[in-house]
Structures are given as C-alpha cells and as structure tokens.
Protein backbone atom coordinates (compact mmCIF):
# COMPACT_ATOMS: atom_id res chain seq x y z
CA MET A 1 14.15 1.81 8.70
CA ALA A 2 15.81 3.46 5.68
CA LYS A 3 15.20 7.16 5.20
CA ILE A 4 12.92 8.33 2.44
CA LYS A 5 14.75 10.88 0.32
CA ILE A 6 12.65 13.64 -1.22
CA LEU A 7 14.20 15.76 -3.96
CA LEU A 8 12.56 19.19 -4.18
CA LEU A 9 13.27 20.83 -7.53
CA SER A 10 12.31 24.26 -8.77
CA ALA A 11 12.76 26.34 -11.89
CA ASN A 12 11.28 29.72 -12.68
CA PRO A 13 12.90 30.90 -15.94
CA LYS A 14 13.28 34.65 -16.34
CA GLU A 15 10.62 35.09 -19.03
CA THR A 16 7.93 33.18 -17.11
CA VAL A 17 5.51 34.51 -14.52
CA ALA A 18 7.16 34.68 -11.10
CA LEU A 19 6.13 31.89 -8.76
CA ARG A 20 6.41 31.76 -4.97
CA LEU A 21 8.65 28.69 -4.96
CA SER A 22 10.45 29.43 -1.69
CA GLU A 23 7.11 29.67 0.09
CA GLU A 24 5.98 26.36 -1.40
CA PHE A 25 9.16 24.63 -0.21
CA ARG A 26 8.77 26.23 3.23
CA GLU A 27 5.24 24.79 3.48
CA ILE A 28 6.38 21.32 2.42
CA LYS A 29 9.25 21.33 4.92
CA GLY A 30 6.95 22.61 7.66
CA VAL A 31 4.48 19.77 7.17
CA ILE A 32 7.30 17.22 7.21
CA ARG A 33 8.78 18.77 10.39
CA LYS A 34 5.42 18.32 12.13
CA SER A 35 4.95 14.73 10.95
CA LYS A 36 5.32 11.67 13.13
CA TYR A 37 7.98 10.19 10.81
CA ARG A 38 10.04 13.35 10.24
CA ASP A 39 13.26 11.60 11.33
CA ASN A 40 12.79 9.09 8.51
CA ILE A 41 12.65 11.75 5.80
CA GLU A 42 15.58 13.50 4.17
CA ILE A 43 15.04 16.53 1.96
CA VAL A 44 17.42 17.55 -0.81
CA GLN A 45 16.74 20.75 -2.72
CA GLY A 46 17.70 21.91 -6.22
CA GLU A 47 16.86 25.44 -7.36
CA ALA A 48 16.97 27.17 -10.77
CA VAL A 49 17.35 23.65 -12.15
CA ARG A 50 18.88 23.15 -15.59
CA ALA A 51 18.64 19.91 -17.59
CA SER A 52 22.25 19.05 -16.69
CA ASP A 53 21.50 19.71 -12.99
CA LEU A 54 18.50 17.38 -13.15
CA ARG A 55 20.55 14.46 -14.44
CA VAL A 56 23.26 14.98 -11.82
CA LEU A 57 20.81 15.36 -8.92
CA LEU A 58 18.88 12.24 -9.90
CA LEU A 59 22.05 10.16 -10.26
CA GLU A 60 23.83 11.49 -7.14
CA GLU A 61 20.85 11.56 -4.79
CA SER A 62 18.79 8.54 -5.97
CA PRO A 63 15.61 10.03 -4.46
CA ASN A 64 12.51 8.03 -3.57
CA VAL A 65 10.30 11.01 -4.39
CA VAL A 66 10.82 13.91 -6.82
CA HIS A 67 8.69 17.03 -6.41
CA PHE A 68 8.96 19.69 -9.13
CA SER A 69 7.72 23.24 -8.62
CA GLY A 70 7.61 25.48 -11.65
CA HIS A 71 6.05 25.96 -15.05
CA GLY A 72 5.13 23.26 -17.51
CA ALA A 73 3.21 22.41 -20.65
CA SER A 74 1.72 19.30 -22.20
CA LYS A 75 5.20 18.26 -23.37
CA GLY A 76 6.91 18.59 -19.98
CA VAL A 77 8.32 21.03 -17.45
CA PHE A 78 10.28 24.20 -18.08
CA LEU A 79 13.82 24.02 -16.74
CA GLU A 80 16.38 26.78 -17.15
CA ASN A 81 19.22 27.10 -19.62
CA ASN A 82 22.62 28.61 -18.74
CA LYS A 83 21.21 32.13 -19.20
CA GLY A 84 18.18 31.55 -16.99
CA ASN A 85 15.68 31.26 -19.85
CA SER A 86 13.25 28.40 -20.51
CA HIS A 87 14.56 25.07 -21.72
C-alpha cells in the first residue's frame, strides 16, 4: 500500500492575530500516531509559508492531502511575504 502524504502548512503573518499553530500540528500528529494506519501516513510540514514556498512544496512533495493553518478571507488564505507580512 502506498503511503498517504499529508502536507501541513502554516502562516501567521506578523500583523495578524497570533495563532497556536504548533499546538494544532501537535494535535494532528498525535491523532495520526494513535491511528491504526499510522505507518501508511507520511507528514511533511511547511511553516511561515510564502507563495514561492507553496509552489515548491506542492511540486516537490506531491501530497495527497494539504492542510493549511492560518488566516484567510473570502478571496483566499494569507501567506507571508519575504518580510513576514501578509501576502
């Protein structure tokens, strides 16, 4: 059986309200560790994700599942720019 690759992404730009992203990832990983099929799941993590990082991670990792943790609006999610601000 091929592994399911989950890409966990997070972005919390400087001018946004601080989120507890590390805790959320810890919870996700903990549930997977306790699952029956944990050996069939691979987790890849990207933090403080910029638009250029997103493209690279998606192309290099070819994940089955993408989970984004961060801020968003009706037009999409907030990633970070090179200075750590919203993009």
